Amino acid sequence: MTDEDIYAFNAVPPKAAAAAPTRPQRRLWPWLLGGLALIFLLAVAGGVAALMSLLDAGREGWHVTIDGEEWHGAGGPGLLALLGVAGGLFVALLTVVLVVPLTLLLVALGLALGLGGVVLALGLVVAVLLSPFWGLLLLLWLLLRKRPATVSA
C-alpha cells in the first residue's frame, strides 16, 4: 500500500506546503512600546528646545509679531510672562492627555454598569415570570432524555 492508495478518493495534499516551515508570528506590543517611547522622547526634546528658546528670549528680551503688530519686552517681567504662558500650555496639554481620556473612561464604565444593571433586572424578571414552567421542562427532559447504557461487570 502506498500513499497514493490512501488518497485514492481524496486530493493528495501538496508536499511543498506540508514541508514548508511556518514563520513565527511577530508580536505587536514591542513595536507599540517603541513607538510610544519615540513619541515621548520627541515630546521631551521639543519641550527642552521650547524652554531653552524661552530662556534665551528672557535674557535678550522678547519680540512677538501677530498680524503685523509688534510687541517688545525686556528680560525681567517678560521672562515671567513667557514662563507663565509655557506653564499654561503645559497644564492645558496635561489636561488633554490625562483628564479627557479618564473622563471618557468613567463615562463608558458608568454606561456599561447601567446597561448591565438593566439587563440583569430584566433577566431576573423573566426568570421569575417563567419559573412555573421550569418544573414542566425538567419533567419533560427526564422523560425524553436518552438513558446512559449500563455497563455489566
N, C-alpha and C. Protein backbone atom coordinates (compact mmCIF):
# COMPACT_ATOMS: atom_id res chain seq x y z
N MET A 1 0.85 -1.16 0.00
CA MET A 1 0.00 0.00 0.00
C MET A 1 0.90 1.24 0.00
N THR A 2 0.57 2.18 -0.86
CA THR A 2 1.38 3.40 -0.98
C THR A 2 0.53 4.60 -0.55
N ASP A 3 1.18 5.77 -0.56
CA ASP A 3 0.47 7.00 -0.21
C ASP A 3 -0.63 7.29 -1.21
N GLU A 4 -0.43 6.95 -2.48
CA GLU A 4 -1.45 7.20 -3.48
C GLU A 4 -2.70 6.36 -3.22
N ASP A 5 -2.53 5.15 -2.66
CA ASP A 5 -3.69 4.32 -2.34
C ASP A 5 -4.51 4.94 -1.20
N ILE A 6 -3.82 5.57 -0.25
CA ILE A 6 -4.53 6.18 0.87
C ILE A 6 -5.39 7.34 0.38
N TYR A 7 -4.85 8.11 -0.55
CA TYR A 7 -5.58 9.27 -1.06
C TYR A 7 -6.28 8.95 -2.38
N ALA A 8 -6.79 7.75 -2.55
CA ALA A 8 -7.42 7.35 -3.81
C ALA A 8 -8.67 8.17 -4.09
N PHE A 9 -9.45 8.49 -3.06
CA PHE A 9 -10.71 9.20 -3.28
C PHE A 9 -10.63 10.67 -2.85
N ASN A 10 -9.54 11.09 -2.27
CA ASN A 10 -9.34 12.48 -1.86
C ASN A 10 -8.12 13.05 -2.56
N ALA A 11 -8.07 14.36 -2.63
CA ALA A 11 -6.92 15.00 -3.26
C ALA A 11 -5.68 14.81 -2.40
N VAL A 12 -4.57 14.63 -3.04
CA VAL A 12 -3.30 14.47 -2.33
C VAL A 12 -2.85 15.85 -1.86
N PRO A 13 -2.52 15.98 -0.58
CA PRO A 13 -2.08 17.31 -0.12
C PRO A 13 -0.72 17.65 -0.75
N PRO A 14 -0.51 18.91 -1.07
CA PRO A 14 0.78 19.29 -1.67
C PRO A 14 1.90 19.09 -0.66
N LYS A 15 2.99 18.47 -1.15
CA LYS A 15 4.11 18.17 -0.26
C LYS A 15 4.93 19.41 0.07
N ALA A 16 4.93 20.38 -0.84
CA ALA A 16 5.71 21.60 -0.58
C ALA A 16 5.09 22.40 0.56
N ALA A 17 3.75 22.44 0.61
CA ALA A 17 3.10 23.20 1.67
C ALA A 17 3.26 22.51 3.01
N ALA A 18 3.23 21.19 3.00
CA ALA A 18 3.35 20.45 4.26
C ALA A 18 4.78 20.52 4.80
N ALA A 19 5.77 20.58 3.89
CA ALA A 19 7.16 20.57 4.34
C ALA A 19 7.68 21.96 4.68
N ALA A 20 6.97 23.02 4.25
CA ALA A 20 7.46 24.37 4.48
C ALA A 20 7.35 24.73 5.96
N PRO A 21 8.43 25.23 6.54
CA PRO A 21 8.36 25.60 7.96
C PRO A 21 7.54 26.88 8.13
N THR A 22 6.82 26.95 9.21
CA THR A 22 6.00 28.12 9.47
C THR A 22 6.84 29.19 10.16
N ARG A 23 6.61 30.43 9.78
CA ARG A 23 7.33 31.54 10.40
C ARG A 23 6.68 31.88 11.73
N PRO A 24 7.46 32.19 12.74
CA PRO A 24 6.84 32.61 14.00
C PRO A 24 6.17 33.97 13.83
N GLN A 25 5.05 34.13 14.49
CA GLN A 25 4.32 35.39 14.38
C GLN A 25 5.04 36.48 15.16
N ARG A 26 5.11 37.64 14.54
CA ARG A 26 5.75 38.76 15.22
C ARG A 26 4.76 39.37 16.20
N ARG A 27 5.29 39.81 17.32
CA ARG A 27 4.43 40.42 18.33
C ARG A 27 4.32 41.91 18.06
N LEU A 28 3.15 42.45 18.39
CA LEU A 28 2.87 43.84 18.11
C LEU A 28 3.28 44.76 19.25
N TRP A 29 3.24 44.27 20.49
CA TRP A 29 3.46 45.14 21.63
C TRP A 29 4.86 45.76 21.69
N PRO A 30 5.94 45.08 21.27
CA PRO A 30 7.23 45.79 21.30
C PRO A 30 7.26 47.00 20.36
N TRP A 31 6.61 46.88 19.22
CA TRP A 31 6.56 48.00 18.29
C TRP A 31 5.74 49.15 18.87
N LEU A 32 4.62 48.82 19.54
CA LEU A 32 3.82 49.87 20.15
C LEU A 32 4.59 50.58 21.26
N LEU A 33 5.27 49.81 22.09
CA LEU A 33 6.07 50.42 23.16
C LEU A 33 7.20 51.27 22.59
N GLY A 34 7.84 50.79 21.54
CA GLY A 34 8.90 51.56 20.89
C GLY A 34 8.36 52.86 20.30
N GLY A 35 7.20 52.78 19.65
CA GLY A 35 6.59 53.99 19.09
C GLY A 35 6.22 54.99 20.17
N LEU A 36 5.64 54.50 21.28
CA LEU A 36 5.30 55.40 22.38
C LEU A 36 6.55 56.02 23.00
N ALA A 37 7.61 55.23 23.14
CA ALA A 37 8.86 55.76 23.68
C ALA A 37 9.44 56.82 22.75
N LEU A 38 9.36 56.60 21.44
CA LEU A 38 9.86 57.58 20.48
C LEU A 38 9.05 58.87 20.55
N ILE A 39 7.73 58.76 20.64
CA ILE A 39 6.88 59.95 20.77
C ILE A 39 7.21 60.70 22.06
N PHE A 40 7.42 59.95 23.15
CA PHE A 40 7.76 60.58 24.43
C PHE A 40 9.10 61.32 24.33
N LEU A 41 10.10 60.68 23.71
CA LEU A 41 11.40 61.34 23.57
C LEU A 41 11.31 62.58 22.69
N LEU A 42 10.53 62.52 21.63
CA LEU A 42 10.35 63.70 20.78
C LEU A 42 9.65 64.82 21.53
N ALA A 43 8.66 64.47 22.36
CA ALA A 43 7.97 65.49 23.15
C ALA A 43 8.91 66.12 24.17
N VAL A 44 9.74 65.30 24.81
CA VAL A 44 10.70 65.83 25.78
C VAL A 44 11.72 66.74 25.07
N ALA A 45 12.21 66.32 23.92
CA ALA A 45 13.17 67.14 23.18
C ALA A 45 12.53 68.45 22.73
N GLY A 46 11.31 68.39 22.27
CA GLY A 46 10.61 69.61 21.89
C GLY A 46 10.37 70.53 23.07
N GLY A 47 10.03 69.95 24.22
CA GLY A 47 9.84 70.77 25.42
C GLY A 47 11.12 71.43 25.87
N VAL A 48 12.22 70.69 25.81
CA VAL A 48 13.52 71.27 26.19
C VAL A 48 13.90 72.38 25.23
N ALA A 49 13.69 72.17 23.93
CA ALA A 49 14.01 73.21 22.94
C ALA A 49 13.15 74.45 23.16
N ALA A 50 11.86 74.25 23.46
CA ALA A 50 10.98 75.40 23.70
C ALA A 50 11.40 76.14 24.96
N LEU A 51 11.76 75.42 26.01
CA LEU A 51 12.20 76.06 27.25
C LEU A 51 13.49 76.82 27.05
N MET A 52 14.42 76.25 26.29
CA MET A 52 15.68 76.95 26.01
C MET A 52 15.42 78.23 25.22
N SER A 53 14.53 78.18 24.25
CA SER A 53 14.25 79.40 23.49
C SER A 53 13.55 80.43 24.35
N LEU A 54 12.69 79.98 25.28
CA LEU A 54 12.05 80.93 26.20
C LEU A 54 13.08 81.58 27.12
N LEU A 55 14.02 80.79 27.61
CA LEU A 55 15.05 81.35 28.48
C LEU A 55 15.96 82.31 27.72
N ASP A 56 16.31 81.97 26.48
CA ASP A 56 17.10 82.89 25.65
C ASP A 56 16.34 84.19 25.39
N ALA A 57 15.05 84.06 25.12
CA ALA A 57 14.23 85.24 24.88
C ALA A 57 14.11 86.07 26.15
N GLY A 58 14.10 85.42 27.30
CA GLY A 58 14.01 86.14 28.56
C GLY A 58 15.27 86.93 28.85
N ARG A 59 16.41 86.39 28.46
CA ARG A 59 17.67 87.10 28.68
C ARG A 59 17.85 88.27 27.72
N GLU A 60 17.47 88.03 26.49
CA GLU A 60 17.70 89.04 25.46
C GLU A 60 16.50 89.94 25.25
N GLY A 61 15.42 89.68 25.90
CA GLY A 61 14.17 90.40 25.63
C GLY A 61 13.36 89.60 24.62
N TRP A 62 12.11 89.92 24.49
CA TRP A 62 11.27 89.13 23.58
C TRP A 62 10.64 90.04 22.55
N HIS A 63 10.28 89.44 21.45
CA HIS A 63 9.71 90.15 20.32
C HIS A 63 8.64 89.24 19.73
N VAL A 64 7.39 89.71 19.74
CA VAL A 64 6.26 88.92 19.22
C VAL A 64 5.58 89.74 18.14
N THR A 65 5.28 89.10 17.00
CA THR A 65 4.56 89.75 15.92
C THR A 65 3.30 88.95 15.62
N ILE A 66 2.15 89.59 15.75
CA ILE A 66 0.87 88.95 15.44
C ILE A 66 0.12 89.87 14.49
N ASP A 67 -0.18 89.39 13.30
CA ASP A 67 -0.89 90.14 12.26
C ASP A 67 -0.22 91.48 11.98
N GLY A 68 1.10 91.50 11.99
CA GLY A 68 1.83 92.70 11.67
C GLY A 68 2.03 93.64 12.85
N GLU A 69 1.38 93.36 13.97
CA GLU A 69 1.55 94.20 15.15
C GLU A 69 2.68 93.63 15.99
N GLU A 70 3.62 94.49 16.39
CA GLU A 70 4.80 94.01 17.08
C GLU A 70 4.76 94.42 18.55
N TRP A 71 5.23 93.48 19.41
CA TRP A 71 5.37 93.74 20.84
C TRP A 71 6.80 93.42 21.23
N HIS A 72 7.39 94.30 22.01
CA HIS A 72 8.74 94.09 22.50
C HIS A 72 8.70 94.10 24.02
N GLY A 73 9.65 93.40 24.62
CA GLY A 73 9.70 93.42 26.07
C GLY A 73 11.12 93.22 26.55
N ALA A 74 11.32 93.54 27.83
CA ALA A 74 12.64 93.39 28.43
C ALA A 74 12.75 92.03 29.10
N GLY A 75 13.87 91.80 29.79
CA GLY A 75 14.15 90.48 30.35
C GLY A 75 13.34 90.11 31.57
N GLY A 76 13.20 90.95 32.58
CA GLY A 76 12.64 90.55 33.87
C GLY A 76 11.19 90.12 33.85
N PRO A 77 10.25 91.05 33.75
CA PRO A 77 8.84 90.67 33.76
C PRO A 77 8.45 89.88 32.50
N GLY A 78 9.13 90.14 31.41
CA GLY A 78 8.83 89.39 30.19
C GLY A 78 9.14 87.92 30.33
N LEU A 79 10.22 87.61 31.06
CA LEU A 79 10.57 86.21 31.29
C LEU A 79 9.49 85.52 32.10
N LEU A 80 8.99 86.20 33.13
CA LEU A 80 7.92 85.61 33.93
C LEU A 80 6.66 85.40 33.09
N ALA A 81 6.38 86.34 32.21
CA ALA A 81 5.20 86.20 31.35
C ALA A 81 5.37 85.02 30.40
N LEU A 82 6.55 84.89 29.83
CA LEU A 82 6.78 83.76 28.91
C LEU A 82 6.72 82.43 29.64
N LEU A 83 7.29 82.38 30.85
CA LEU A 83 7.23 81.14 31.62
C LEU A 83 5.79 80.85 32.07
N GLY A 84 5.01 81.90 32.32
CA GLY A 84 3.59 81.70 32.64
C GLY A 84 2.83 81.11 31.47
N VAL A 85 3.13 81.61 30.27
CA VAL A 85 2.49 81.07 29.07
C VAL A 85 2.90 79.61 28.88
N ALA A 86 4.19 79.31 29.08
CA ALA A 86 4.65 77.93 28.95
C ALA A 86 3.98 77.03 29.99
N GLY A 87 3.85 77.52 31.22
CA GLY A 87 3.17 76.73 32.26
C GLY A 87 1.71 76.50 31.93
N GLY A 88 1.05 77.53 31.39
CA GLY A 88 -0.35 77.37 30.99
C GLY A 88 -0.51 76.35 29.87
N LEU A 89 0.41 76.39 28.90
CA LEU A 89 0.35 75.39 27.82
C LEU A 89 0.60 73.98 28.36
N PHE A 90 1.51 73.87 29.34
CA PHE A 90 1.77 72.56 29.93
C PHE A 90 0.54 72.03 30.66
N VAL A 91 -0.13 72.89 31.41
CA VAL A 91 -1.35 72.47 32.13
C VAL A 91 -2.44 72.09 31.13
N ALA A 92 -2.58 72.85 30.05
CA ALA A 92 -3.58 72.51 29.04
C ALA A 92 -3.27 71.17 28.38
N LEU A 93 -2.00 70.93 28.08
CA LEU A 93 -1.60 69.65 27.49
C LEU A 93 -1.85 68.50 28.45
N LEU A 94 -1.51 68.71 29.72
CA LEU A 94 -1.74 67.68 30.73
C LEU A 94 -3.23 67.38 30.87
N THR A 95 -4.05 68.42 30.79
CA THR A 95 -5.49 68.23 30.87
C THR A 95 -5.99 67.40 29.69
N VAL A 96 -5.52 67.72 28.51
CA VAL A 96 -5.97 66.99 27.33
C VAL A 96 -5.49 65.54 27.37
N VAL A 97 -4.26 65.33 27.85
CA VAL A 97 -3.70 63.97 27.82
C VAL A 97 -4.26 63.10 28.94
N LEU A 98 -4.51 63.66 30.11
CA LEU A 98 -4.94 62.84 31.25
C LEU A 98 -6.42 62.95 31.56
N VAL A 99 -6.92 64.14 31.71
CA VAL A 99 -8.27 64.32 32.22
C VAL A 99 -9.32 63.87 31.21
N VAL A 100 -9.16 64.23 29.96
CA VAL A 100 -10.17 63.87 28.96
C VAL A 100 -10.30 62.36 28.78
N PRO A 101 -9.20 61.58 28.62
CA PRO A 101 -9.38 60.13 28.50
C PRO A 101 -9.95 59.49 29.77
N LEU A 102 -9.54 59.97 30.94
CA LEU A 102 -10.08 59.40 32.17
C LEU A 102 -11.57 59.70 32.31
N THR A 103 -11.99 60.89 31.91
CA THR A 103 -13.41 61.22 31.95
C THR A 103 -14.20 60.34 30.99
N LEU A 104 -13.68 60.16 29.79
CA LEU A 104 -14.37 59.29 28.83
C LEU A 104 -14.42 57.85 29.33
N LEU A 105 -13.36 57.39 29.99
CA LEU A 105 -13.35 56.04 30.55
C LEU A 105 -14.39 55.90 31.65
N LEU A 106 -14.50 56.90 32.51
CA LEU A 106 -15.51 56.84 33.57
C LEU A 106 -16.93 56.88 33.00
N VAL A 107 -17.15 57.66 31.97
CA VAL A 107 -18.47 57.69 31.33
C VAL A 107 -18.80 56.33 30.72
N ALA A 108 -17.84 55.72 30.04
CA ALA A 108 -18.07 54.40 29.44
C ALA A 108 -18.33 53.36 30.52
N LEU A 109 -17.59 53.43 31.63
CA LEU A 109 -17.81 52.49 32.73
C LEU A 109 -19.19 52.67 33.33
N GLY A 110 -19.62 53.91 33.51
CA GLY A 110 -20.96 54.17 34.03
C GLY A 110 -22.04 53.64 33.11
N LEU A 111 -21.87 53.86 31.81
CA LEU A 111 -22.85 53.33 30.85
C LEU A 111 -22.88 51.81 30.87
N ALA A 112 -21.71 51.18 30.94
CA ALA A 112 -21.66 49.71 30.96
C ALA A 112 -22.33 49.17 32.22
N LEU A 113 -22.05 49.79 33.37
CA LEU A 113 -22.68 49.33 34.61
C LEU A 113 -24.18 49.58 34.59
N GLY A 114 -24.60 50.70 34.05
CA GLY A 114 -26.03 50.98 33.96
C GLY A 114 -26.75 49.99 33.06
N LEU A 115 -26.18 49.76 31.88
CA LEU A 115 -26.81 48.80 30.96
C LEU A 115 -26.76 47.38 31.52
N GLY A 116 -25.66 47.04 32.20
CA GLY A 116 -25.57 45.72 32.83
C GLY A 116 -26.62 45.53 33.91
N GLY A 117 -26.86 46.58 34.69
CA GLY A 117 -27.91 46.51 35.72
C GLY A 117 -29.28 46.33 35.11
N VAL A 118 -29.55 47.04 34.02
CA VAL A 118 -30.85 46.90 33.35
C VAL A 118 -31.02 45.49 32.79
N VAL A 119 -29.99 44.96 32.15
CA VAL A 119 -30.07 43.60 31.60
C VAL A 119 -30.25 42.57 32.72
N LEU A 120 -29.54 42.75 33.83
CA LEU A 120 -29.69 41.84 34.96
C LEU A 120 -31.10 41.90 35.53
N ALA A 121 -31.65 43.09 35.68
CA ALA A 121 -33.01 43.22 36.20
C ALA A 121 -34.02 42.57 35.27
N LEU A 122 -33.87 42.79 33.96
CA LEU A 122 -34.79 42.16 33.01
C LEU A 122 -34.67 40.64 33.04
N GLY A 123 -33.44 40.13 33.17
CA GLY A 123 -33.25 38.68 33.26
C GLY A 123 -33.91 38.10 34.50
N LEU A 124 -33.78 38.80 35.62
CA LEU A 124 -34.42 38.31 36.84
C LEU A 124 -35.94 38.32 36.72
N VAL A 125 -36.50 39.36 36.12
CA VAL A 125 -37.95 39.43 35.93
C VAL A 125 -38.42 38.29 35.02
N VAL A 126 -37.71 38.05 33.93
CA VAL A 126 -38.08 36.95 33.02
C VAL A 126 -37.95 35.61 33.73
N ALA A 127 -36.92 35.43 34.55
CA ALA A 127 -36.74 34.17 35.27
C ALA A 127 -37.87 33.93 36.26
N VAL A 128 -38.29 34.97 36.95
CA VAL A 128 -39.40 34.82 37.91
C VAL A 128 -40.70 34.55 37.18
N LEU A 129 -40.93 35.24 36.05
CA LEU A 129 -42.17 35.01 35.30
C LEU A 129 -42.23 33.61 34.71
N LEU A 130 -41.09 33.06 34.30
CA LEU A 130 -41.08 31.73 33.68
C LEU A 130 -40.86 30.61 34.68
N SER A 131 -40.74 30.91 35.96
CA SER A 131 -40.44 29.88 36.94
C SER A 131 -41.50 28.77 37.04
N PRO A 132 -42.81 29.02 36.81
CA PRO A 132 -43.76 27.89 36.85
C PRO A 132 -43.50 26.84 35.77
N PHE A 133 -42.87 27.24 34.67
CA PHE A 133 -42.63 26.29 33.58
C PHE A 133 -41.38 25.44 33.80
N TRP A 134 -40.55 25.80 34.77
CA TRP A 134 -39.31 25.06 34.99
C TRP A 134 -39.58 23.62 35.40
N GLY A 135 -40.55 23.39 36.25
CA GLY A 135 -40.88 22.03 36.68
C GLY A 135 -41.34 21.18 35.50
N LEU A 136 -42.17 21.78 34.63
CA LEU A 136 -42.64 21.04 33.45
C LEU A 136 -41.47 20.73 32.51
N LEU A 137 -40.56 21.67 32.30
CA LEU A 137 -39.41 21.43 31.45
C LEU A 137 -38.50 20.35 32.03
N LEU A 138 -38.30 20.35 33.34
CA LEU A 138 -37.48 19.33 33.98
C LEU A 138 -38.12 17.96 33.82
N LEU A 139 -39.44 17.87 34.01
CA LEU A 139 -40.13 16.59 33.85
C LEU A 139 -40.04 16.10 32.40
N LEU A 140 -40.23 16.98 31.42
CA LEU A 140 -40.10 16.59 30.01
C LEU A 140 -38.68 16.13 29.70
N TRP A 141 -37.68 16.82 30.22
CA TRP A 141 -36.30 16.43 29.98
C TRP A 141 -36.00 15.07 30.57
N LEU A 142 -36.49 14.80 31.77
CA LEU A 142 -36.26 13.50 32.38
C LEU A 142 -36.94 12.38 31.61
N LEU A 143 -38.10 12.66 31.06
CA LEU A 143 -38.82 11.63 30.31
C LEU A 143 -38.23 11.40 28.92
N LEU A 144 -37.75 12.43 28.25
CA LEU A 144 -37.33 12.32 26.86
C LEU A 144 -35.84 12.13 26.66
N ARG A 145 -35.04 12.21 27.70
CA ARG A 145 -33.59 12.09 27.51
C ARG A 145 -33.20 10.64 27.25
N LYS A 146 -32.05 10.48 26.63
CA LYS A 146 -31.55 9.13 26.38
C LYS A 146 -30.91 8.62 27.66
N ARG A 147 -31.24 7.40 27.98
CA ARG A 147 -30.66 6.78 29.18
C ARG A 147 -29.23 6.31 28.86
N PRO A 148 -28.30 6.54 29.77
CA PRO A 148 -26.95 6.03 29.53
C PRO A 148 -26.95 4.50 29.56
N ALA A 149 -26.10 3.94 28.73
CA ALA A 149 -26.02 2.48 28.66
C ALA A 149 -25.40 1.94 29.95
N THR A 150 -25.98 0.86 30.44
CA THR A 150 -25.46 0.24 31.67
C THR A 150 -24.30 -0.67 31.29
N VAL A 151 -23.29 -0.67 32.10
CA VAL A 151 -22.11 -1.49 31.86
C VAL A 151 -22.16 -2.65 32.85
N SER A 152 -22.15 -3.87 32.31
CA SER A 152 -22.15 -5.05 33.19
C SER A 152 -20.71 -5.49 33.43
N ALA A 153 -20.44 -5.84 34.67
CA ALA A 153 -19.08 -6.21 35.03
C ALA A 153 -18.82 -7.67 34.80
